[in-house]
Structures are given as structure tokens and as C-alpha cells.
Amino acid sequence: MGTALVTGASSGIGLELAWQLAANRHRLVLVARSTDRLEKLAHQIRSAAAVEVEVLPADLATAAGRDAVAARLRQDAHPVGLLVNNAGFGLGQHLLGGDLAREEEALDVMVRAVLVLSKAAAEAMGPRGRGAILNVSSMAALTAMGTYAAHKAWVLTFTEGLAAELRGTGVTATALCPGLVRTEFHERAGLEAAAWPASAWVDVEKVAADALAAVRRGQVVVTPSLRYGAAAVALRHLPRRVVRRIAGPQTSGRAMR
């Protein structure tokens, strides 16, 4: 069924995507910073799903890490047919008074890595006439919740532009815009998950399944759940001054995935 490369594969949405891809008989390349977590996950997937799994430890906040993953995407042996840019970064701070180095690291992981890896994948897939790129954005992309929202807005717009550029090549690009997803992301980012009602959360299994279904259809933007789909429509049509008031930096402590 081809090879899928997943960044941020050791937890959250990336972890669930890896398992669902393995269940569909995809060969996997798992990317994350922690070698130990990747090796453990690779062993579990090999044992449970009987698929081949490569482990590629890389820190996407560094040029060396991005270059290593880009090199794998250009590799002819076991060519990557699906790139999943999922690696996230929980900032857990406001811009003013926050650590600038941390802001720059988040930018490298959530923007620069998406740019570098998407370009490498698209240029490798194009001559083969097939392939797909799945970039994880966020409902936050439609808000004004500070730099995290800005990074995710860039991912959304970038993916839409990439999809248009790829039209007719056999390669597709999809942006996933989840809302609140039941993963360890919020805890690791130091965010208060309990501030949101239980009804606002979406199971990670559904998010991953909807994302992969959208990739198969060649859909450009997917927002799992009817609730968040309706919210996305509202946020796109509300005056921006209203969006800044109801979904601005003051609510970023409760930010969505």
C-alpha cells in the first residue's frame, strides 16, 4: 500500500495516524525527537500489524533534523507516497513577556519544517505522478490566538496554495483543521484542558480517520465533526474585530490543537 512518513509520530494525532495507516497495510517511516519512544512504537506496530517500520529520529527545530527528513523524502528506495506533517509545538506563553527563543523554535517546527518537507515531498512525488501531503493545521488558524494561531493559519493557507499548484500532477495536498482533540498535547503545553466543556472534545480516532478519508478523496481542507465545521464557517464570516474579541490572545491559554 506504499510508504507513509509521519512527523510527530510518537504521540497525539500523529500516533493515531500511524496506527491507522499500519492497519491499512502502509509501510511507515516514523519521525520524532525521542529515539526510545520511536523504537518502542515501531516494535509495537511491527508486532501488531506486521508491517515494515523505519525509525527516523529528528529534531525539526534544527536544520540538520529537517534536512535528514527531507533526504528520506527524496529517497528512491521505498519512496514515500504520503507525507504527514503533524509535528506540533505547545508554546504555552504569550508573545509579550515570553521567551523569544521558544517562539523561534515553534516557528521552525510548525512553519519552516512544513515548508521544507512539503517541497521535498512534492518534488519527489511529482515525477511519479502520485502521492499525497497531509498538513496538520488547526481550528486556531481561523482565530487570533497569538503566534500559535498565526503559525497554523500559515499552514492552512500554504496547503491551499500547494494544492492549487499541484493540480493535475496526481499529487494532492490536504490541510487538517481539528478543534479540541483528546491527546496529551494540552497537558504538555501547560494549557488548561478542563476550561473547555466535555462536549467540545473530539476523539483522536475520529480525527485521524476523517483526515485519511479526506486524503483519499483529494479533499483540500477537512474539519472533523459537524460542530467544528459549523464553527469554521462562523469564524470565516464573522468580522475580524469580533473574532479578536471572542477568540483572541486572551483565550489562547485554552487553545485548540
C-alpha atoms as a PDB file:
ATOM      1  CA  MET A   1       0.000   0.000   0.000  1.00  0.00           C
ATOM      2  CA  GLY A   2       3.023   2.318  -0.138  1.00  0.00           C
ATOM      3  CA  THR A   3       5.135   4.153   2.422  1.00  0.00           C
ATOM      4  CA  ALA A   4       3.841   6.881   4.721  1.00  0.00           C
ATOM      5  CA  LEU A   5       6.151   9.233   6.630  1.00  0.00           C
ATOM      6  CA  VAL A   6       4.639  10.750   9.777  1.00  0.00           C
ATOM      7  CA  THR A   7       6.298  13.522  11.785  1.00  0.00           C
ATOM      8  CA  GLY A   8       5.404  13.902  15.441  1.00  0.00           C
ATOM      9  CA  ALA A   9       4.547  10.204  15.326  1.00  0.00           C
ATOM     10  CA  SER A  10       5.216   9.328  18.954  1.00  0.00           C
ATOM     11  CA  SER A  11       2.103  10.943  20.439  1.00  0.00           C
ATOM     12  CA  GLY A  12      -1.284  12.531  19.788  1.00  0.00           C
ATOM     13  CA  ILE A  13      -2.759  12.733  16.311  1.00  0.00           C
ATOM     14  CA  GLY A  14       0.482  11.512  14.731  1.00  0.00           C
ATOM     15  CA  LEU A  15       0.458   8.371  16.847  1.00  0.00           C
ATOM     16  CA  GLU A  16      -3.137   7.572  15.910  1.00  0.00           C
ATOM     17  CA  LEU A  17      -2.463   8.238  12.234  1.00  0.00           C
ATOM     18  CA  ALA A  18       0.495   5.865  12.373  1.00  0.00           C
ATOM     19  CA  TRP A  19      -1.659   3.078  13.820  1.00  0.00           C
ATOM     20  CA  GLN A  20      -4.465   3.609  11.306  1.00  0.00           C
ATOM     21  CA  LEU A  21      -2.005   3.665   8.409  1.00  0.00           C
ATOM     22  CA  ALA A  22      -0.423   0.462   9.700  1.00  0.00           C
ATOM     23  CA  ALA A  23      -3.867  -1.143   9.918  1.00  0.00           C
ATOM     24  CA  ASN A  24      -4.287  -0.271   6.236  1.00  0.00           C
ATOM     25  CA  ARG A  25      -1.002  -2.064   5.456  1.00  0.00           C
ATOM     26  CA  HIS A  26       1.144   1.009   4.826  1.00  0.00           C
ATOM     27  CA  ARG A  27       4.877   0.788   5.350  1.00  0.00           C
ATOM     28  CA  LEU A  28       5.837   3.501   7.871  1.00  0.00           C
ATOM     29  CA  VAL A  29       8.621   5.978   8.495  1.00  0.00           C
ATOM     30  CA  LEU A  30       8.177   7.411  11.989  1.00  0.00           C
ATOM     31  CA  VAL A  31       9.752  10.763  12.844  1.00  0.00           C
ATOM     32  CA  ALA A  32      10.060  12.361  16.280  1.00  0.00           C
ATOM     33  CA  ARG A  33      12.793  13.616  18.613  1.00  0.00           C
ATOM     34  CA  SER A  34      12.774  10.710  21.068  1.00  0.00           C
ATOM     35  CA  THR A  35      14.604   7.633  19.765  1.00  0.00           C
ATOM     36  CA  ASP A  36      13.410   5.497  22.671  1.00  0.00           C
ATOM     37  CA  ARG A  37       9.728   6.316  22.127  1.00  0.00           C
ATOM     38  CA  LEU A  38      10.035   5.739  18.389  1.00  0.00           C
ATOM     39  CA  GLU A  39      11.763   2.385  18.814  1.00  0.00           C
ATOM     40  CA  LYS A  40       9.133   1.241  21.304  1.00  0.00           C
ATOM     41  CA  LEU A  41       6.309   2.329  18.996  1.00  0.00           C
ATOM     42  CA  ALA A  42       7.940   0.717  15.969  1.00  0.00           C
ATOM     43  CA  HIS A  43       8.215  -2.587  17.842  1.00  0.00           C
ATOM     44  CA  GLN A  44       4.547  -2.414  18.869  1.00  0.00           C
ATOM     45  CA  ILE A  45       3.372  -1.676  15.325  1.00  0.00           C
ATOM     46  CA  ARG A  46       5.538  -4.380  13.762  1.00  0.00           C
ATOM     47  CA  SER A  47       4.216  -6.923  16.247  1.00  0.00           C
ATOM     48  CA  ALA A  48       0.550  -5.935  15.956  1.00  0.00           C
ATOM     49  CA  ALA A  49       0.227  -5.047  12.274  1.00  0.00           C
ATOM     50  CA  ALA A  50       3.092  -6.971  10.647  1.00  0.00           C
ATOM     51  CA  VAL A  51       4.218  -4.010   8.551  1.00  0.00           C
ATOM     52  CA  GLU A  52       7.703  -2.621   7.992  1.00  0.00           C
ATOM     53  CA  VAL A  53       8.548   0.384  10.157  1.00  0.00           C
ATOM     54  CA  GLU A  54      11.538   2.703   9.823  1.00  0.00           C
ATOM     55  CA  VAL A  55      12.587   4.919  12.715  1.00  0.00           C
ATOM     56  CA  LEU A  56      13.987   8.352  11.891  1.00  0.00           C
ATOM     57  CA  PRO A  57      14.826  10.407  14.992  1.00  0.00           C
ATOM     58  CA  ALA A  58      14.994  14.096  14.060  1.00  0.00           C
ATOM     59  CA  ASP A  59      14.512  17.447  15.766  1.00  0.00           C
ATOM     60  CA  LEU A  60      12.586  19.542  13.255  1.00  0.00           C
ATOM     61  CA  ALA A  61      13.541  22.711  15.112  1.00  0.00           C
ATOM     62  CA  THR A  62      17.035  22.252  13.650  1.00  0.00           C
ATOM     63  CA  ALA A  63      18.281  22.489  10.081  1.00  0.00           C
ATOM     64  CA  ALA A  64      20.019  19.126  10.470  1.00  0.00           C
ATOM     65  CA  GLY A  65      16.785  17.457  11.540  1.00  0.00           C
ATOM     66  CA  ARG A  66      14.788  18.956   8.680  1.00  0.00           C
ATOM     67  CA  ASP A  67      17.492  18.046   6.165  1.00  0.00           C
ATOM     68  CA  ALA A  68      17.541  14.416   7.354  1.00  0.00           C
ATOM     69  CA  VAL A  69      13.804  14.034   6.852  1.00  0.00           C
ATOM     70  CA  ALA A  70      13.880  15.859   3.507  1.00  0.00           C
ATOM     71  CA  ALA A  71      16.611  13.461   2.349  1.00  0.00           C
ATOM     72  CA  ARG A  72      14.401  10.477   3.221  1.00  0.00           C
ATOM     73  CA  LEU A  73      11.529  12.017   1.266  1.00  0.00           C
ATOM     74  CA  ARG A  74      13.777  12.240  -1.816  1.00  0.00           C
ATOM     75  CA  GLN A  75      14.953   8.632  -1.471  1.00  0.00           C
ATOM     76  CA  ASP A  76      14.119   6.310  -4.368  1.00  0.00           C
ATOM     77  CA  ALA A  77      14.097   3.109  -2.300  1.00  0.00           C
ATOM     78  CA  HIS A  78      10.702   2.606  -0.675  1.00  0.00           C
ATOM     79  CA  PRO A  79       9.524   6.016  -1.936  1.00  0.00           C
ATOM     80  CA  VAL A  80       7.235   7.959   0.361  1.00  0.00           C
ATOM     81  CA  GLY A  81       3.717   8.158  -1.063  1.00  0.00           C
ATOM     82  CA  LEU A  82       2.154  10.026   1.866  1.00  0.00           C
ATOM     83  CA  LEU A  83       3.816  12.734   3.940  1.00  0.00           C
ATOM     84  CA  VAL A  84       2.080  13.689   7.188  1.00  0.00           C
ATOM     85  CA  ASN A  85       3.379  16.966   8.629  1.00  0.00           C
ATOM     86  CA  ASN A  86       1.991  16.568  12.128  1.00  0.00           C
ATOM     87  CA  ALA A  87       4.818  17.677  14.448  1.00  0.00           C
ATOM     88  CA  GLY A  88       3.420  20.270  16.824  1.00  0.00           C
ATOM     89  CA  PHE A  89       4.732  22.651  19.429  1.00  0.00           C
ATOM     90  CA  GLY A  90       2.813  23.748  22.506  1.00  0.00           C
ATOM     91  CA  LEU A  91       4.002  27.278  23.137  1.00  0.00           C
ATOM     92  CA  GLY A  92       2.213  27.810  26.443  1.00  0.00           C
ATOM     93  CA  GLN A  93       3.081  31.518  26.525  1.00  0.00           C
ATOM     94  CA  HIS A  94       2.075  34.924  25.187  1.00  0.00           C
ATOM     95  CA  LEU A  95       4.419  36.741  22.827  1.00  0.00           C
ATOM     96  CA  LEU A  96       4.870  39.728  25.129  1.00  0.00           C
ATOM     97  CA  GLY A  97       6.921  38.668  28.109  1.00  0.00           C
ATOM     98  CA  GLY A  98       7.565  35.253  26.589  1.00  0.00           C
ATOM     99  CA  ASP A  99      10.824  33.640  25.574  1.00  0.00           C
ATOM    100  CA  LEU A 100      11.831  34.664  22.036  1.00  0.00           C
ATOM    101  CA  ALA A 101      13.956  31.551  21.516  1.00  0.00           C
ATOM    102  CA  ARG A 102      10.907  29.410  22.235  1.00  0.00           C
ATOM    103  CA  GLU A 103       8.869  31.410  19.700  1.00  0.00           C
ATOM    104  CA  GLU A 104      11.553  30.853  17.079  1.00  0.00           C
ATOM    105  CA  GLU A 105      11.678  27.128  17.844  1.00  0.00           C
ATOM    106  CA  ALA A 106       7.916  26.884  17.405  1.00  0.00           C
ATOM    107  CA  LEU A 107       8.181  28.717  14.096  1.00  0.00           C
ATOM    108  CA  ASP A 108      10.829  26.273  12.898  1.00  0.00           C
ATOM    109  CA  VAL A 109       8.749  23.214  13.833  1.00  0.00           C
ATOM    110  CA  MET A 110       5.293  24.362  12.729  1.00  0.00           C
ATOM    111  CA  VAL A 111       6.131  26.526   9.709  1.00  0.00           C
ATOM    112  CA  ARG A 112       9.663  26.076   8.366  1.00  0.00           C
ATOM    113  CA  ALA A 113       9.553  22.264   8.643  1.00  0.00           C
ATOM    114  CA  VAL A 114       6.184  22.126   6.857  1.00  0.00           C
ATOM    115  CA  LEU A 115       7.593  24.274   4.047  1.00  0.00           C
ATOM    116  CA  VAL A 116      10.840  22.304   3.654  1.00  0.00           C
ATOM    117  CA  LEU A 117       9.295  18.845   3.890  1.00  0.00           C
ATOM    118  CA  SER A 118       6.282  19.623   1.697  1.00  0.00           C
ATOM    119  CA  LYS A 119       8.564  20.952  -1.034  1.00  0.00           C
ATOM    120  CA  ALA A 120      10.835  17.912  -0.840  1.00  0.00           C
ATOM    121  CA  ALA A 121       7.883  15.515  -0.929  1.00  0.00           C
ATOM    122  CA  ALA A 122       6.028  17.267  -3.744  1.00  0.00           C
ATOM    123  CA  GLU A 123       9.111  17.425  -5.937  1.00  0.00           C
ATOM    124  CA  ALA A 124       9.802  13.716  -5.364  1.00  0.00           C
ATOM    125  CA  MET A 125       6.197  12.633  -5.873  1.00  0.00           C
ATOM    126  CA  GLY A 126       5.521  14.767  -8.955  1.00  0.00           C
ATOM    127  CA  PRO A 127       7.605  12.743 -11.450  1.00  0.00           C
ATOM    128  CA  ARG A 128       5.935   9.555 -10.168  1.00  0.00           C
ATOM    129  CA  GLY A 129       2.512  11.058 -10.853  1.00  0.00           C
ATOM    130  CA  ARG A 130       1.054  10.138  -7.491  1.00  0.00           C
ATOM    131  CA  GLY A 131       1.298  10.961  -3.805  1.00  0.00           C
ATOM    132  CA  ALA A 132      -0.285  12.981  -1.040  1.00  0.00           C
ATOM    133  CA  ILE A 133       0.691  15.515   1.610  1.00  0.00           C
ATOM    134  CA  LEU A 134      -1.337  15.919   4.805  1.00  0.00           C
ATOM    135  CA  ASN A 135      -0.522  19.030   6.843  1.00  0.00           C
ATOM    136  CA  VAL A 136      -1.992  19.355  10.324  1.00  0.00           C
ATOM    137  CA  SER A 137      -3.308  22.880  10.834  1.00  0.00           C
ATOM    138  CA  SER A 138      -5.925  23.749  13.467  1.00  0.00           C
ATOM    139  CA  MET A 139      -9.222  25.479  14.102  1.00  0.00           C
ATOM    140  CA  ALA A 140      -6.972  28.036  15.796  1.00  0.00           C
ATOM    141  CA  ALA A 141      -5.938  29.076  12.276  1.00  0.00           C
ATOM    142  CA  LEU A 142      -9.257  30.920  11.980  1.00  0.00           C
ATOM    143  CA  THR A 143      -8.807  32.778  15.275  1.00  0.00           C
ATOM    144  CA  ALA A 144      -6.478  35.483  16.581  1.00  0.00           C
ATOM    145  CA  MET A 145      -4.955  33.442  19.427  1.00  0.00           C
ATOM    146  CA  GLY A 146      -1.425  34.787  19.080  1.00  0.00           C
ATOM    147  CA  THR A 147       1.560  33.262  17.336  1.00  0.00           C
ATOM    148  CA  TYR A 148       0.334  29.654  17.564  1.00  0.00           C
ATOM    149  CA  ALA A 149      -2.768  30.649  15.602  1.00  0.00           C
ATOM    150  CA  ALA A 150      -0.594  32.569  13.142  1.00  0.00           C
ATOM    151  CA  HIS A 151       1.576  29.506  12.506  1.00  0.00           C
ATOM    152  CA  LYS A 152      -1.479  27.326  11.916  1.00  0.00           C
ATOM    153  CA  ALA A 153      -3.056  29.978   9.661  1.00  0.00           C
ATOM    154  CA  TRP A 154       0.122  29.867   7.591  1.00  0.00           C
ATOM    155  CA  VAL A 155      -0.119  26.057   7.330  1.00  0.00           C
ATOM    156  CA  LEU A 156      -3.733  26.301   6.153  1.00  0.00           C
ATOM    157  CA  THR A 157      -3.085  28.959   3.507  1.00  0.00           C
ATOM    158  CA  PHE A 158       0.156  27.296   2.402  1.00  0.00           C
ATOM    159  CA  THR A 159      -1.605  23.955   1.923  1.00  0.00           C
ATOM    160  CA  GLU A 160      -4.404  25.524  -0.106  1.00  0.00           C
ATOM    161  CA  GLY A 161      -1.842  27.190  -2.350  1.00  0.00           C
ATOM    162  CA  LEU A 162       0.160  23.983  -2.653  1.00  0.00           C
ATOM    163  CA  ALA A 163      -2.962  22.028  -3.601  1.00  0.00           C
ATOM    164  CA  ALA A 164      -3.647  24.520  -6.393  1.00  0.00           C
ATOM    165  CA  GLU A 165      -0.048  24.319  -7.615  1.00  0.00           C
ATOM    166  CA  LEU A 166      -0.197  20.506  -7.637  1.00  0.00           C
ATOM    167  CA  ARG A 167      -3.463  20.294  -9.576  1.00  0.00           C
ATOM    168  CA  GLY A 168      -3.128  17.873 -12.478  1.00  0.00           C
ATOM    169  CA  THR A 169       0.085  16.250 -11.221  1.00  0.00           C
ATOM    170  CA  GLY A 170      -1.517  13.304  -9.438  1.00  0.00           C
ATOM    171  CA  VAL A 171      -0.225  14.649  -6.110  1.00  0.00           C
ATOM    172  CA  THR A 172      -2.628  16.167  -3.583  1.00  0.00           C
ATOM    173  CA  ALA A 173      -2.339  18.373  -0.504  1.00  0.00           C
ATOM    174  CA  THR A 174      -4.781  18.343   2.411  1.00  0.00           C
ATOM    175  CA  ALA A 175      -4.967  20.571   5.492  1.00  0.00           C
ATOM    176  CA  LEU A 176      -6.449  19.027   8.635  1.00  0.00           C
ATOM    177  CA  CYS A 177      -8.096  21.572  10.934  1.00  0.00           C
ATOM    178  CA  PRO A 178      -9.071  19.813  14.162  1.00  0.00           C
ATOM    179  CA  GLY A 179     -10.503  21.544  17.185  1.00  0.00           C
ATOM    180  CA  LEU A 180     -10.065  20.179  20.686  1.00  0.00           C
ATOM    181  CA  VAL A 181      -8.727  16.635  20.433  1.00  0.00           C
ATOM    182  CA  ARG A 182      -8.294  14.178  23.292  1.00  0.00           C
ATOM    183  CA  THR A 183      -4.485  13.845  23.310  1.00  0.00           C
ATOM    184  CA  GLU A 184      -1.611  14.733  25.623  1.00  0.00           C
ATOM    185  CA  PHE A 185      -0.946  17.930  23.627  1.00  0.00           C
ATOM    186  CA  HIS A 186      -2.675  20.294  26.042  1.00  0.00           C
ATOM    187  CA  GLU A 187      -1.020  18.861  29.122  1.00  0.00           C
ATOM    188  CA  ARG A 188       2.443  19.045  27.553  1.00  0.00           C
ATOM    189  CA  ALA A 189       1.807  22.642  26.502  1.00  0.00           C
ATOM    190  CA  GLY A 190       0.753  23.619  30.022  1.00  0.00           C
ATOM    191  CA  LEU A 191      -2.767  24.509  28.890  1.00  0.00           C
ATOM    192  CA  GLU A 192      -5.895  24.121  30.989  1.00  0.00           C
ATOM    193  CA  ALA A 193      -7.951  21.432  29.235  1.00  0.00           C
ATOM    194  CA  ALA A 194     -10.625  21.486  31.954  1.00  0.00           C
ATOM    195  CA  ALA A 195     -11.562  25.017  30.885  1.00  0.00           C
ATOM    196  CA  TRP A 196     -13.493  23.546  27.955  1.00  0.00           C
ATOM    197  CA  PRO A 197     -16.751  21.545  28.247  1.00  0.00           C
ATOM    198  CA  ALA A 198     -16.606  17.815  27.594  1.00  0.00           C
ATOM    199  CA  SER A 199     -18.855  18.250  24.544  1.00  0.00           C
ATOM    200  CA  ALA A 200     -16.171  20.350  22.835  1.00  0.00           C
ATOM    201  CA  TRP A 201     -13.724  17.463  22.590  1.00  0.00           C
ATOM    202  CA  VAL A 202     -13.351  15.114  19.606  1.00  0.00           C
ATOM    203  CA  ASP A 203     -11.830  11.645  19.862  1.00  0.00           C
ATOM    204  CA  VAL A 204      -8.453  11.332  18.196  1.00  0.00           C
ATOM    205  CA  GLU A 205      -9.579   8.160  16.380  1.00  0.00           C
ATOM    206  CA  LYS A 206     -12.252  10.139  14.534  1.00  0.00           C
ATOM    207  CA  VAL A 207      -9.869  12.966  13.701  1.00  0.00           C
ATOM    208  CA  ALA A 208      -7.336  10.565  12.171  1.00  0.00           C
ATOM    209  CA  ALA A 209      -9.983   8.592  10.289  1.00  0.00           C
ATOM    210  CA  ASP A 210     -11.561  11.748   8.845  1.00  0.00           C
ATOM    211  CA  ALA A 211      -8.139  13.046   7.836  1.00  0.00           C
ATOM    212  CA  LEU A 212      -7.180   9.882   5.963  1.00  0.00           C
ATOM    213  CA  ALA A 213     -10.579   9.706   4.289  1.00  0.00           C
ATOM    214  CA  ALA A 214     -10.098  13.292   3.084  1.00  0.00           C
ATOM    215  CA  VAL A 215      -6.660  12.413   1.717  1.00  0.00           C
ATOM    216  CA  ARG A 216      -8.146   9.510  -0.226  1.00  0.00           C
ATOM    217  CA  ARG A 217     -10.737  11.870  -1.730  1.00  0.00           C
ATOM    218  CA  GLY A 218      -8.158  14.518  -2.560  1.00  0.00           C
ATOM    219  CA  GLN A 219     -10.029  16.984  -0.345  1.00  0.00           C
ATOM    220  CA  VAL A 220      -8.072  20.174   0.325  1.00  0.00           C
ATOM    221  CA  VAL A 221      -9.411  21.157   3.774  1.00  0.00           C
ATOM    222  CA  VAL A 222     -11.002  18.845   6.344  1.00  0.00           C
ATOM    223  CA  THR A 223     -12.519  19.857   9.691  1.00  0.00           C
ATOM    224  CA  PRO A 224     -13.563  16.790  11.719  1.00  0.00           C
ATOM    225  CA  SER A 225     -17.014  16.922  13.367  1.00  0.00           C
ATOM    226  CA  LEU A 226     -20.097  18.838  12.300  1.00  0.00           C
ATOM    227  CA  ARG A 227     -19.742  21.088  15.334  1.00  0.00           C
ATOM    228  CA  TYR A 228     -16.332  22.350  14.324  1.00  0.00           C
ATOM    229  CA  GLY A 229     -17.352  22.533  10.692  1.00  0.00           C
ATOM    230  CA  ALA A 230     -20.105  24.950  11.681  1.00  0.00           C
ATOM    231  CA  ALA A 231     -17.690  26.888  13.893  1.00  0.00           C
ATOM    232  CA  ALA A 232     -15.261  27.200  10.978  1.00  0.00           C
ATOM    233  CA  VAL A 233     -17.979  28.687   8.777  1.00  0.00           C
ATOM    234  CA  ALA A 234     -18.886  31.168  11.511  1.00  0.00           C
ATOM    235  CA  LEU A 235     -15.280  32.211  12.124  1.00  0.00           C
ATOM    236  CA  ARG A 236     -14.709  32.744   8.406  1.00  0.00           C
ATOM    237  CA  HIS A 237     -17.705  35.061   8.134  1.00  0.00           C
ATOM    238  CA  LEU A 238     -17.582  36.992  11.394  1.00  0.00           C
ATOM    239  CA  PRO A 239     -15.983  40.455  11.266  1.00  0.00           C
ATOM    240  CA  ARG A 240     -12.367  40.128  12.379  1.00  0.00           C
ATOM    241  CA  ARG A 241     -12.904  42.622  15.202  1.00  0.00           C
ATOM    242  CA  VAL A 242     -15.444  40.175  16.648  1.00  0.00           C
ATOM    243  CA  VAL A 243     -13.072  37.239  16.183  1.00  0.00           C
ATOM    244  CA  ARG A 244     -10.341  39.160  18.016  1.00  0.00           C
ATOM    245  CA  ARG A 245     -12.740  39.765  20.890  1.00  0.00           C
ATOM    246  CA  ILE A 246     -14.062  36.227  21.291  1.00  0.00           C
ATOM    247  CA  ALA A 247     -11.029  34.223  20.110  1.00  0.00           C
ATOM    248  CA  GLY A 248      -8.026  36.452  20.676  1.00  0.00           C
ATOM    249  CA  PRO A 249      -4.873  36.145  22.798  1.00  0.00           C
ATOM    250  CA  GLN A 250      -6.955  36.269  25.974  1.00  0.00           C
ATOM    251  CA  THR A 251      -8.325  32.799  25.146  1.00  0.00           C
ATOM    252  CA  SER A 252      -5.055  31.290  23.906  1.00  0.00           C
ATOM    253  CA  GLY A 253      -4.486  29.624  27.273  1.00  0.00           C
ATOM    254  CA  ARG A 254      -7.303  27.316  26.215  1.00  0.00           C
ATOM    255  CA  ALA A 255      -6.048  26.955  22.647  1.00  0.00           C
ATOM    256  CA  MET A 256      -7.221  24.200  20.311  1.00  0.00           C
ATOM    257  CA  ARG A 257      -4.955  21.623  18.669  1.00  0.00           C
END
